[in-house]
Amino acid sequence: MRWIFGVGGILITLLVIVILLSARGGPGDYMVSTLQKGREAQIDAGQLAGQDANGMRASESIVLDSVTSPGGTRTDALVVTSVVAGGPMQAHFGLMANDQIVEVANQKVRDLNDNELAKALVLEAYQRKQDLIIQRSGVRLAMPGAIPIDGNAAPAASAIPQAAPGTTPPAPVPADPSSVAPAAPVKAPRSSIYDQVNQIPGVQR
């Protein structure tokens, strides 16, 4: 009989340990949080070294070529000849084949006028988590995020959220609130004395 109480005590102890480990803010939650932070730090360290979590280097995941001016004397942009699907450059920036990189970390490629330097800066932008501006099908996009921009690097009108098809867009707010006429008060219908008397219990018409 005594062994039953012993087994029961062990089971209760295990149950308490499981509850403590699974409780929010408990030791288990802290352990999971610590492991997640460690994993994130490991990924960041890998990116700083120029590679992703799988060990693929950014330089191995993309092939870039230069786009020269009509006279062939100046590099205007870098074109993505090929990119490894799921590789560092595709996963981080969202680059696709035939994208033209025109700016790297707020530096225009044509102002650099150096093909190899421009390529090195693109790879460095991955390590430092800097932005790229690309030209895709005639549209300028800020990467990562594929945010449409105009020539002044400001959000384009197409980037402003629009109403979904089939829904009514919100009504515009007038510039002068005083110009909006106040709603007419709703008047309660009048009841005659005759109707009021008929509502008294016991009174019949």
Protein backbone atom coordinates (compact mmCIF):
# COMPACT_ATOMS: atom_id res chain seq x y z
CA MET A 1 0.00 0.00 0.00
CA ARG A 2 2.88 2.25 0.84
CA TRP A 3 4.28 1.93 -2.71
CA ILE A 4 1.02 3.33 -4.13
CA PHE A 5 1.53 6.55 -2.19
CA GLY A 6 5.17 6.62 -3.34
CA VAL A 7 4.20 6.32 -7.02
CA GLY A 8 1.44 8.88 -6.55
CA GLY A 9 3.90 11.31 -4.98
CA ILE A 10 6.30 10.88 -7.91
CA LEU A 11 3.52 11.49 -10.43
CA ILE A 12 2.35 14.61 -8.60
CA THR A 13 5.93 15.91 -8.50
CA LEU A 14 6.33 15.31 -12.25
CA LEU A 15 3.01 17.06 -12.89
CA VAL A 16 4.12 20.11 -10.89
CA ILE A 17 7.41 20.23 -12.83
CA VAL A 18 5.58 20.06 -16.17
CA ILE A 19 3.19 22.84 -15.10
CA LEU A 20 6.10 25.05 -14.00
CA LEU A 21 7.99 24.48 -17.24
CA SER A 22 4.97 25.15 -19.43
CA ALA A 23 3.74 28.22 -17.52
CA ARG A 24 4.16 31.60 -19.22
CA GLY A 25 7.06 33.40 -17.63
CA GLY A 26 8.24 30.24 -15.92
CA PRO A 27 11.58 28.46 -16.26
CA GLY A 28 10.46 26.65 -19.42
CA ASP A 29 9.33 29.87 -21.07
CA TYR A 30 12.64 31.51 -20.18
CA MET A 31 14.55 28.54 -21.60
CA VAL A 32 12.64 28.64 -24.91
CA SER A 33 13.08 32.42 -25.12
CA THR A 34 16.81 32.09 -24.49
CA LEU A 35 17.16 29.42 -27.18
CA GLN A 36 15.24 31.55 -29.68
CA LYS A 37 17.42 34.59 -28.96
CA GLY A 38 20.51 32.44 -29.35
CA ARG A 39 19.26 31.16 -32.69
CA GLU A 40 18.50 34.69 -33.88
CA ALA A 41 21.95 35.85 -32.80
CA GLN A 42 23.50 32.94 -34.69
CA ILE A 43 21.57 33.89 -37.85
CA ASP A 44 22.59 37.54 -37.50
CA ALA A 45 26.22 36.52 -37.03
CA GLY A 46 26.03 34.36 -40.13
CA GLN A 47 24.54 37.20 -42.17
CA LEU A 48 27.26 39.52 -40.95
CA ALA A 49 29.74 36.95 -42.24
CA GLY A 50 27.95 36.95 -45.60
CA GLN A 51 26.07 33.64 -45.39
CA ASP A 52 22.63 32.34 -44.45
CA ALA A 53 21.60 29.83 -41.79
CA ASN A 54 22.35 26.94 -44.17
CA GLY A 55 25.91 28.12 -44.75
CA MET A 56 25.40 29.36 -48.32
CA ARG A 57 27.41 32.47 -49.04
CA ALA A 58 25.66 35.49 -50.55
CA SER A 59 28.28 35.67 -53.30
CA GLU A 60 27.40 32.11 -54.33
CA SER A 61 23.67 32.80 -54.54
CA ILE A 62 23.65 35.50 -57.23
CA VAL A 63 25.26 36.41 -60.54
CA LEU A 64 25.44 40.09 -61.43
CA ASP A 65 26.36 41.80 -64.67
CA SER A 66 26.76 45.46 -65.54
CA VAL A 67 24.32 47.59 -67.53
CA THR A 68 26.34 50.25 -69.32
CA SER A 69 25.31 53.59 -70.78
CA PRO A 70 24.60 53.81 -74.54
CA GLY A 71 28.20 54.82 -75.19
CA GLY A 72 29.45 51.88 -73.14
CA THR A 73 31.61 54.05 -70.91
CA ARG A 74 29.62 54.12 -67.65
CA THR A 75 27.93 51.45 -65.54
CA ASP A 76 24.34 52.58 -64.99
CA ALA A 77 23.08 49.54 -63.06
CA LEU A 78 23.73 45.93 -62.17
CA VAL A 79 21.42 43.33 -63.66
CA VAL A 80 20.64 40.08 -61.84
CA THR A 81 21.62 37.42 -64.36
CA SER A 82 20.60 34.57 -62.06
CA VAL A 83 19.73 34.07 -58.40
CA VAL A 84 19.45 30.91 -56.31
CA ALA A 85 15.87 30.34 -55.14
CA GLY A 86 15.84 30.44 -51.34
CA GLY A 87 19.47 31.57 -51.27
CA PRO A 88 20.69 34.50 -49.16
CA MET A 89 20.18 37.24 -51.77
CA GLN A 90 16.76 35.97 -52.86
CA ALA A 91 15.50 35.20 -49.36
CA HIS A 92 16.63 38.51 -47.84
CA PHE A 93 16.10 41.01 -50.66
CA GLY A 94 13.50 39.18 -52.78
CA LEU A 95 15.59 39.66 -55.92
CA MET A 96 14.56 38.04 -59.20
CA ALA A 97 16.34 37.42 -62.48
CA ASN A 98 16.47 40.51 -64.75
CA ASP A 99 16.12 42.94 -61.83
CA GLN A 100 18.34 45.98 -62.31
CA ILE A 101 19.99 47.31 -59.15
CA VAL A 102 20.29 51.09 -59.50
CA GLU A 103 21.09 52.10 -55.89
CA VAL A 104 22.92 50.43 -53.02
CA ALA A 105 22.63 51.90 -49.53
CA ASN A 106 21.65 55.33 -50.93
CA GLN A 107 24.51 55.28 -53.46
CA LYS A 108 23.63 55.32 -57.14
CA VAL A 109 25.45 52.68 -59.15
CA ARG A 110 26.06 55.10 -62.04
CA ASP A 111 27.81 57.52 -59.65
CA LEU A 112 30.17 54.77 -58.52
CA ASN A 113 31.17 54.05 -62.14
CA ASP A 114 32.94 50.93 -60.95
CA ASN A 115 31.48 47.55 -61.79
CA GLU A 116 33.41 45.51 -59.22
CA LEU A 117 32.92 48.07 -56.45
CA ALA A 118 29.18 48.10 -57.12
CA LYS A 119 29.02 44.30 -56.90
CA ALA A 120 30.99 44.34 -53.63
CA LEU A 121 28.63 46.93 -52.18
CA VAL A 122 25.60 44.79 -53.07
CA LEU A 123 27.05 41.85 -51.15
CA GLU A 124 27.98 44.16 -48.29
CA ALA A 125 24.39 45.44 -48.24
CA TYR A 126 23.30 41.88 -47.42
CA GLN A 127 25.77 41.68 -44.54
CA ARG A 128 24.80 45.06 -43.10
CA LYS A 129 21.07 44.72 -43.80
CA GLN A 130 21.07 47.79 -46.03
CA ASP A 131 18.49 48.59 -48.71
CA LEU A 132 18.63 48.29 -52.47
CA ILE A 133 16.65 50.15 -55.09
CA ILE A 134 15.91 48.14 -58.20
CA GLN A 135 14.15 48.57 -61.51
CA ARG A 136 11.68 45.77 -62.29
CA SER A 137 9.46 45.91 -65.37
CA GLY A 138 9.71 49.70 -65.44
CA VAL A 139 8.84 50.10 -61.73
CA ARG A 140 11.31 51.30 -59.09
CA LEU A 141 11.18 49.20 -55.93
CA ALA A 142 12.91 49.48 -52.56
CA MET A 143 14.21 46.10 -51.42
CA PRO A 144 13.60 44.24 -49.21
CA GLY A 145 9.86 44.69 -49.19
CA ALA A 146 9.30 45.54 -52.89
CA ILE A 147 8.00 49.00 -51.92
CA PRO A 148 7.16 51.10 -55.01
CA ILE A 149 8.92 54.46 -55.05
CA ASP A 150 9.08 57.42 -57.40
CA GLY A 151 12.17 59.17 -58.71
CA ASN A 152 12.66 61.02 -55.41
CA ALA A 153 12.76 57.77 -53.39
CA ALA A 154 9.39 58.62 -51.82
CA PRO A 155 6.44 56.21 -51.62
CA ALA A 156 4.63 56.22 -54.94
CA ALA A 157 0.88 56.68 -55.23
CA SER A 158 0.55 52.99 -56.04
CA ALA A 159 1.97 52.19 -52.60
CA ILE A 160 -0.94 53.91 -50.84
CA PRO A 161 -3.46 51.28 -49.67
CA GLN A 162 -6.54 51.18 -51.87
CA ALA A 163 -10.01 49.84 -51.16
CA ALA A 164 -10.38 46.16 -51.98
CA PRO A 165 -12.46 45.31 -55.08
CA GLY A 166 -16.16 45.13 -54.28
CA THR A 167 -15.91 47.33 -51.19
CA THR A 168 -16.94 50.95 -50.75
CA PRO A 169 -14.01 53.33 -50.21
CA PRO A 170 -14.24 55.57 -47.14
CA ALA A 171 -15.93 58.92 -47.67
CA PRO A 172 -13.53 61.87 -47.86
CA VAL A 173 -13.34 64.08 -44.78
CA PRO A 174 -14.26 67.72 -45.58
CA ALA A 175 -11.58 70.32 -44.92
CA ASP A 176 -13.97 72.49 -42.86
CA PRO A 177 -16.09 70.48 -40.39
CA SER A 178 -18.41 73.49 -39.91
CA SER A 179 -19.47 73.15 -43.53
CA VAL A 180 -21.28 69.91 -42.72
CA ALA A 181 -24.97 70.58 -42.03
CA PRO A 182 -26.13 69.11 -38.71
CA ALA A 183 -28.52 66.21 -38.93
CA ALA A 184 -32.18 67.16 -38.48
CA PRO A 185 -33.57 66.08 -35.08
CA VAL A 186 -35.88 63.14 -35.17
CA LYS A 187 -39.31 64.01 -33.75
CA ALA A 188 -41.26 61.40 -31.84
CA PRO A 189 -44.75 60.79 -33.28
CA ARG A 190 -47.51 62.52 -31.35
CA SER A 191 -50.25 60.49 -29.76
CA SER A 192 -53.74 61.84 -29.25
CA ILE A 193 -55.56 61.95 -25.91
CA TYR A 194 -57.88 59.27 -27.28
CA ASP A 195 -54.92 56.92 -27.86
CA GLN A 196 -53.50 57.62 -24.41
CA VAL A 197 -56.84 56.84 -22.71
CA ASN A 198 -57.15 53.55 -24.60
CA GLN A 199 -53.75 52.49 -23.17
CA ILE A 200 -55.07 52.66 -19.60
CA PRO A 201 -55.87 49.12 -18.34
CA GLY A 202 -59.54 48.43 -18.08
CA VAL A 203 -60.61 51.21 -20.45
CA GLN A 204 -62.24 50.00 -23.62
CA ARG A 205 -63.40 51.85 -26.70
